[in-house]
Amino acid sequence: MQVQIVNWGNSQGIRIPKQLLQEANINVNDVLDVNVGNGVITFAKPFRHKTLEERAAEFGGELKLDGEFNWGEPLGREVW
């Protein structure tokens, strides 16, 4: 796929098709890291740790941090 550099005020811009953004899991207003090397420009989403609330939401909001956790039977020289 090709895109064109266009004037955007006093700068230049590239319009990125919605389909490409969806495939890259990039949304409007996301912040991207930009790197340039050997005539190539790359854009990447920076790694971000999830918050406790985001992690809890993945488990239906229930963390169940109280009590013990059953790790199963010992596999090596563990002592239970």
Protein backbone atom coordinates (compact mmCIF):
# COMPACT_ATOMS: atom_id res chain seq x y z
CA MET A 1 0.00 0.00 0.00
CA GLN A 2 1.23 3.50 -0.73
CA VAL A 3 0.39 6.79 0.96
CA GLN A 4 1.22 10.36 -0.04
CA ILE A 5 2.95 13.08 1.95
CA VAL A 6 0.68 16.16 1.97
CA ASN A 7 0.97 19.67 3.35
CA TRP A 8 -0.74 20.13 6.70
CA GLY A 9 -0.45 23.75 7.81
CA ASN A 10 3.26 24.56 8.11
CA SER A 11 4.13 20.84 8.35
CA GLN A 12 3.60 17.70 6.31
CA GLY A 13 1.43 14.74 7.11
CA ILE A 14 0.46 11.23 6.05
CA ARG A 15 -3.07 9.89 6.12
CA ILE A 16 -3.05 6.30 7.32
CA PRO A 17 -6.02 4.17 6.24
CA LYS A 18 -8.31 3.01 9.04
CA GLN A 19 -7.75 -0.64 8.12
CA LEU A 20 -4.00 -0.35 8.72
CA LEU A 21 -4.53 1.33 12.07
CA GLN A 22 -6.95 -1.41 13.13
CA GLU A 23 -4.48 -4.13 12.12
CA ALA A 24 -1.76 -2.39 14.17
CA ASN A 25 -4.14 -1.85 17.11
CA ILE A 26 -3.55 1.92 16.95
CA ASN A 27 -6.34 4.34 17.85
CA VAL A 28 -6.88 8.06 17.33
CA ASN A 29 -4.86 10.09 19.88
CA ASP A 30 -2.51 7.16 20.69
CA VAL A 31 1.09 8.23 21.28
CA LEU A 32 3.66 6.49 19.08
CA ASP A 33 7.45 6.20 19.18
CA VAL A 34 9.06 7.38 15.92
CA ASN A 35 12.47 6.12 14.80
CA VAL A 36 14.49 6.98 11.71
CA GLY A 37 17.35 4.94 10.33
CA ASN A 38 18.78 4.08 6.92
CA GLY A 39 16.08 6.05 5.13
CA VAL A 40 13.28 4.23 6.97
CA ILE A 41 10.75 5.80 9.34
CA THR A 42 9.09 3.43 11.83
CA PHE A 43 6.16 4.10 14.14
CA ALA A 44 5.50 1.85 17.15
CA LYS A 45 3.25 1.86 20.17
CA PRO A 46 5.42 2.15 23.28
CA PHE A 47 5.19 -0.66 25.81
CA ARG A 48 2.99 0.28 28.74
CA HIS A 49 2.36 -1.75 31.86
CA LYS A 50 -1.30 -2.32 32.61
CA THR A 51 -2.76 -0.78 35.73
CA LEU A 52 -4.17 -2.98 38.48
CA GLU A 53 -7.67 -1.90 37.42
CA GLU A 54 -7.00 -2.93 33.80
CA ARG A 55 -5.70 -6.30 34.91
CA ALA A 56 -8.69 -6.81 37.22
CA ALA A 57 -11.07 -6.00 34.37
CA GLU A 58 -9.60 -8.91 32.39
CA PHE A 59 -10.74 -11.24 35.19
CA GLY A 60 -14.23 -9.80 35.51
CA GLY A 61 -13.13 -7.42 38.26
CA GLU A 62 -12.43 -10.24 40.73
CA LEU A 63 -8.83 -10.57 41.89
CA LYS A 64 -9.42 -13.02 44.78
CA LEU A 65 -6.21 -12.04 46.56
CA ASP A 66 -7.21 -13.54 49.91
CA GLY A 67 -6.32 -17.06 50.96
CA GLU A 68 -3.93 -19.54 49.44
CA PHE A 69 -3.44 -20.49 45.83
CA ASN A 70 -3.23 -24.12 44.72
CA TRP A 71 -0.16 -24.40 42.49
CA GLY A 72 -0.72 -28.12 41.93
CA GLU A 73 1.56 -31.03 42.73
CA PRO A 74 5.32 -30.49 43.19
CA LEU A 75 7.29 -30.98 39.95
CA GLY A 76 10.82 -30.95 41.25
CA ARG A 77 12.51 -30.66 44.64
CA GLU A 78 9.95 -28.25 46.09
CA VAL A 79 8.96 -28.74 49.70
CA TRP A 80 5.30 -28.13 50.55
